Amino acid sequence: LRLKWLKWLGSISYGVYLFHYPIYEIIIRAKYRGLVVFTVGTVATLALSATSYYLMERPILALKKRYKTE
């Protein structure tokens, strides 16, 4: 993967999978349609996924490596 943004997207992909549905559901239930749903949903999903990755996943993975038992 030479494209850095694609590699980054892969690193936050679990968060994207986890958060996209509730975010889009909230936006649709708020009666928004079309391009607004796509734009706001995508930006919110990426922002929440990145935040989750950097504030939760990475520190937990670091702890996992630190206390790895063999």
C-alpha atoms as a PDB file:
ATOM      1  CA  LEU A   1       0.000   0.000   0.000  1.00  0.00           C
ATOM      2  CA  ARG A   2       1.794   3.060  -1.245  1.00  0.00           C
ATOM      3  CA  LEU A   3      -1.075   5.444  -0.637  1.00  0.00           C
ATOM      4  CA  LYS A   4      -0.810   6.677   2.942  1.00  0.00           C
ATOM      5  CA  TRP A   5      -4.469   7.641   3.204  1.00  0.00           C
ATOM      6  CA  LEU A   6      -5.486   4.119   2.214  1.00  0.00           C
ATOM      7  CA  LYS A   7      -3.164   2.618   4.818  1.00  0.00           C
ATOM      8  CA  TRP A   8      -4.636   5.007   7.415  1.00  0.00           C
ATOM      9  CA  LEU A   9      -8.162   4.020   6.393  1.00  0.00           C
ATOM     10  CA  GLY A  10      -7.195   0.387   6.885  1.00  0.00           C
ATOM     11  CA  SER A  11      -5.936   1.123  10.385  1.00  0.00           C
ATOM     12  CA  ILE A  12      -9.252   2.693  11.420  1.00  0.00           C
ATOM     13  CA  SER A  13     -11.415   0.251   9.449  1.00  0.00           C
ATOM     14  CA  TYR A  14     -12.761  -1.571  12.499  1.00  0.00           C
ATOM     15  CA  GLY A  15     -14.051   1.724  13.887  1.00  0.00           C
ATOM     16  CA  VAL A  16     -15.593   2.574  10.518  1.00  0.00           C
ATOM     17  CA  TYR A  17     -17.342  -0.805  10.548  1.00  0.00           C
ATOM     18  CA  LEU A  18     -18.485  -0.332  14.130  1.00  0.00           C
ATOM     19  CA  PHE A  19     -19.678   3.284  13.994  1.00  0.00           C
ATOM     20  CA  HIS A  20     -21.038   3.829  10.477  1.00  0.00           C
ATOM     21  CA  TYR A  21     -24.455   2.275  10.975  1.00  0.00           C
ATOM     22  CA  PRO A  22     -25.472   4.127  14.171  1.00  0.00           C
ATOM     23  CA  ILE A  23     -24.211   7.429  12.783  1.00  0.00           C
ATOM     24  CA  TYR A  24     -26.114   7.084   9.513  1.00  0.00           C
ATOM     25  CA  GLU A  25     -29.204   5.909  11.390  1.00  0.00           C
ATOM     26  CA  ILE A  26     -29.161   9.008  13.618  1.00  0.00           C
ATOM     27  CA  ILE A  27     -28.746  11.321  10.628  1.00  0.00           C
ATOM     28  CA  ILE A  28     -31.554   9.664   8.667  1.00  0.00           C
ATOM     29  CA  ARG A  29     -33.898   9.713  11.674  1.00  0.00           C
ATOM     30  CA  ALA A  30     -33.194  13.447  11.959  1.00  0.00           C
ATOM     31  CA  LYS A  31     -34.934  13.710   8.567  1.00  0.00           C
ATOM     32  CA  TYR A  32     -31.888  14.578   6.477  1.00  0.00           C
ATOM     33  CA  ARG A  33     -31.630  13.158   2.954  1.00  0.00           C
ATOM     34  CA  GLY A  34     -29.306  12.763   0.005  1.00  0.00           C
ATOM     35  CA  LEU A  35     -25.909  14.375  -0.143  1.00  0.00           C
ATOM     36  CA  VAL A  36     -26.221  15.741   3.404  1.00  0.00           C
ATOM     37  CA  VAL A  37     -26.526  12.204   4.790  1.00  0.00           C
ATOM     38  CA  PHE A  38     -23.546  11.009   2.791  1.00  0.00           C
ATOM     39  CA  THR A  39     -21.301  13.979   3.604  1.00  0.00           C
ATOM     40  CA  VAL A  40     -22.110  14.351   7.289  1.00  0.00           C
ATOM     41  CA  GLY A  41     -22.206  10.587   7.795  1.00  0.00           C
ATOM     42  CA  THR A  42     -18.840  10.035   6.173  1.00  0.00           C
ATOM     43  CA  VAL A  43     -17.108  12.871   8.001  1.00  0.00           C
ATOM     44  CA  ALA A  44     -18.619  11.872  11.352  1.00  0.00           C
ATOM     45  CA  THR A  45     -17.764   8.204  10.835  1.00  0.00           C
ATOM     46  CA  LEU A  46     -14.142   8.946   9.946  1.00  0.00           C
ATOM     47  CA  ALA A  47     -13.747  11.408  12.815  1.00  0.00           C
ATOM     48  CA  LEU A  48     -15.217   9.071  15.428  1.00  0.00           C
ATOM     49  CA  SER A  49     -13.296   6.082  14.077  1.00  0.00           C
ATOM     50  CA  ALA A  50      -9.984   7.961  14.110  1.00  0.00           C
ATOM     51  CA  THR A  51     -10.636   9.267  17.616  1.00  0.00           C
ATOM     52  CA  SER A  52     -11.465   5.776  18.812  1.00  0.00           C
ATOM     53  CA  TYR A  53      -8.356   4.349  17.162  1.00  0.00           C
ATOM     54  CA  TYR A  54      -5.927   6.881  18.623  1.00  0.00           C
ATOM     55  CA  LEU A  55      -7.485   7.198  22.088  1.00  0.00           C
ATOM     56  CA  MET A  56      -8.582   3.600  22.709  1.00  0.00           C
ATOM     57  CA  GLU A  57      -7.257   0.983  20.300  1.00  0.00           C
ATOM     58  CA  ARG A  58      -3.611   2.039  20.123  1.00  0.00           C
ATOM     59  CA  PRO A  59      -3.134   2.396  23.903  1.00  0.00           C
ATOM     60  CA  ILE A  60      -4.821  -0.971  24.502  1.00  0.00           C
ATOM     61  CA  LEU A  61      -2.676  -2.646  21.852  1.00  0.00           C
ATOM     62  CA  ALA A  62       0.424  -1.106  23.440  1.00  0.00           C
ATOM     63  CA  LEU A  63      -0.593  -2.553  26.816  1.00  0.00           C
ATOM     64  CA  LYS A  64      -1.191  -5.901  25.186  1.00  0.00           C
ATOM     65  CA  LYS A  65       2.342  -5.901  23.772  1.00  0.00           C
ATOM     66  CA  ARG A  66       3.803  -4.732  27.067  1.00  0.00           C
ATOM     67  CA  TYR A  67       2.202  -7.473  29.159  1.00  0.00           C
ATOM     68  CA  LYS A  68       2.358 -10.229  26.602  1.00  0.00           C
ATOM     69  CA  THR A  69       2.869 -13.606  28.253  1.00  0.00           C
ATOM     70  CA  GLU A  70       4.778 -16.313  26.505  1.00  0.00           C
END
